[in-house]
C-alpha cells in the first residue's frame, strides 16, 4: 500500500510563499492522478490542485494563478508551490490519489499545517 508523507508547511505572512512536498513510500507511477487537498478548522476537506500522470493540471478557483502542482515520478514525489498566500489558505494540507480513497478506513497521511497570518 502506498503511503504519503507531507512536509513543507509553516507560518507565513500574507503574500508569502511555501513549497509543500509529498513523498510516497511506493511507486506512484501506477496512480493516474494525484491531488493536494486541504482542510480548514470546521470545514470539509477540499481538493485544491491535481495532476495526471501525463502532467495535466487543474486547480480550484480559489487558488488558480497562485498555486502550482508538479510531480517527479522518478522521486515518487508530488509538490505544491503556493504563492501570494492569503489567510483563507490556512489549513492542513494533504496529498492523496485523485479521486481519493473513500470510506471510514481510507488512508490519509498526517498532513502539513499551513498558517497564513501577520
Protein backbone atom coordinates (compact mmCIF):
# COMPACT_ATOMS: atom_id res chain seq x y z
CA UNK A 1 0.00 0.00 0.00
CA UNK A 2 1.33 3.45 -0.94
CA UNK A 3 1.77 5.85 1.95
CA UNK A 4 2.23 9.62 1.84
CA UNK A 5 4.38 11.94 3.97
CA UNK A 6 3.59 15.63 3.59
CA UNK A 7 6.08 18.35 4.58
CA UNK A 8 6.96 21.97 4.00
CA UNK A 9 4.19 23.71 5.88
CA UNK A 10 4.68 26.51 8.37
CA UNK A 11 3.75 30.02 9.41
CA UNK A 12 3.95 32.64 6.69
CA UNK A 13 2.77 36.22 6.31
CA UNK A 14 0.09 37.14 3.80
CA UNK A 15 1.64 37.44 0.36
CA UNK A 16 4.35 34.93 1.18
CA UNK A 17 5.20 31.60 -0.39
CA UNK A 18 5.64 27.98 0.65
CA UNK A 19 6.51 24.80 -1.20
CA UNK A 20 4.90 21.60 0.01
CA UNK A 21 6.28 18.15 -0.73
CA UNK A 22 4.57 14.79 -0.64
CA UNK A 23 6.90 11.81 -0.50
CA UNK A 24 5.41 8.43 -1.24
CA UNK A 25 6.60 5.14 0.14
CA UNK A 26 5.90 3.32 -3.06
CA UNK A 27 5.83 3.99 -6.74
CA UNK A 28 3.17 6.46 -7.76
CA UNK A 29 3.62 5.52 -11.35
CA UNK A 30 0.55 3.33 -11.15
CA UNK A 31 -1.61 6.11 -9.76
CA UNK A 32 -3.03 8.01 -12.67
CA UNK A 33 -3.68 11.31 -10.88
CA UNK A 34 -2.52 12.86 -7.62
CA UNK A 35 -4.10 15.69 -5.70
CA UNK A 36 -3.39 18.17 -2.94
CA UNK A 37 -6.26 18.61 -0.53
CA UNK A 38 -6.76 20.90 2.43
CA UNK A 39 -8.97 21.01 5.47
CA UNK A 40 -9.54 24.16 7.48
CA UNK A 41 -10.95 24.04 11.02
CA UNK A 42 -14.66 23.34 10.96
CA UNK A 43 -14.71 22.73 7.22
CA UNK A 44 -14.72 19.70 4.98
CA UNK A 45 -11.60 18.59 3.17
CA UNK A 46 -11.42 20.05 -0.32
CA UNK A 47 -9.36 19.40 -3.43
CA UNK A 48 -7.17 22.38 -4.34
CA UNK A 49 -4.98 21.01 -7.13
CA UNK A 50 -4.45 17.83 -9.11
CA UNK A 51 -2.07 16.46 -11.71
CA UNK A 52 -2.39 13.49 -14.05
CA UNK A 53 0.33 11.03 -14.90
CA UNK A 54 0.86 12.93 -18.12
CA UNK A 55 1.29 16.22 -16.29
CA UNK A 56 -2.07 17.86 -16.93
CA UNK A 57 -3.09 20.06 -14.02
CA UNK A 58 -6.27 21.51 -12.62
CA UNK A 59 -6.96 23.92 -9.76
CA UNK A 60 -9.75 25.10 -7.55
CA UNK A 61 -10.89 28.59 -8.47
CA UNK A 62 -9.74 29.89 -5.08
CA UNK A 63 -6.07 29.05 -5.80
CA UNK A 64 -5.90 29.37 -9.58
CA UNK A 65 -3.00 31.57 -10.62
CA UNK A 66 -1.35 31.35 -7.19
CA UNK A 67 -0.65 27.62 -6.68
CA UNK A 68 1.24 25.21 -8.94
CA UNK A 69 1.27 21.43 -8.63
CA UNK A 70 4.02 19.26 -10.08
CA UNK A 71 5.23 15.68 -9.79
CA UNK A 72 8.51 13.81 -10.12
CA UNK A 73 7.70 10.18 -10.76
CA UNK A 74 11.37 9.20 -10.54
CA UNK A 75 11.47 10.56 -7.00
CA UNK A 76 7.95 9.42 -6.12
CA UNK A 77 7.18 12.96 -5.01
CA UNK A 78 4.42 15.49 -5.62
CA UNK A 79 4.89 19.21 -4.95
CA UNK A 80 2.66 22.20 -4.38
CA UNK A 81 4.16 25.66 -4.87
CA UNK A 82 1.99 28.21 -3.11
CA UNK A 83 2.47 31.91 -3.83
CA UNK A 84 0.59 35.05 -2.79
CA UNK A 85 -0.76 33.23 0.23
CA UNK A 86 -3.87 34.54 1.94
CA UNK A 87 -5.21 33.99 5.47
CA UNK A 88 -8.01 31.88 3.97
CA UNK A 89 -5.37 29.41 2.73
CA UNK A 90 -4.75 28.43 6.36
CA UNK A 91 -5.44 24.69 6.66
CA UNK A 92 -3.86 21.28 7.00
CA UNK A 93 -2.71 20.17 3.55
CA UNK A 94 -2.73 16.53 2.44
CA UNK A 95 -1.80 14.67 -0.70
CA UNK A 96 -3.57 11.61 -1.99
CA UNK A 97 -4.73 9.98 -5.15
CA UNK A 98 -7.45 11.61 -7.20
CA UNK A 99 -10.10 10.57 -6.65
CA UNK A 100 -9.14 9.88 -3.04
CA UNK A 101 -9.99 6.65 -1.27
CA UNK A 102 -13.42 6.63 0.32
CA UNK A 103 -14.86 5.20 3.48
CA UNK A 104 -14.05 5.38 7.20
CA UNK A 105 -10.86 3.33 6.83
CA UNK A 106 -9.48 5.31 3.90
CA UNK A 107 -5.78 6.12 4.25
CA UNK A 108 -4.60 9.73 4.65
CA UNK A 109 -1.17 10.92 5.72
CA UNK A 110 -0.61 13.20 8.70
CA UNK A 111 -0.75 16.33 6.58
CA UNK A 112 1.24 19.53 6.98
CA UNK A 113 -0.07 22.67 8.65
CA UNK A 114 -0.04 25.92 6.70
CA UNK A 115 -0.83 29.07 8.65
CA UNK A 116 -1.04 32.43 6.92
CA UNK A 117 -1.08 35.25 9.41
CA UNK A 118 0.55 38.58 10.12
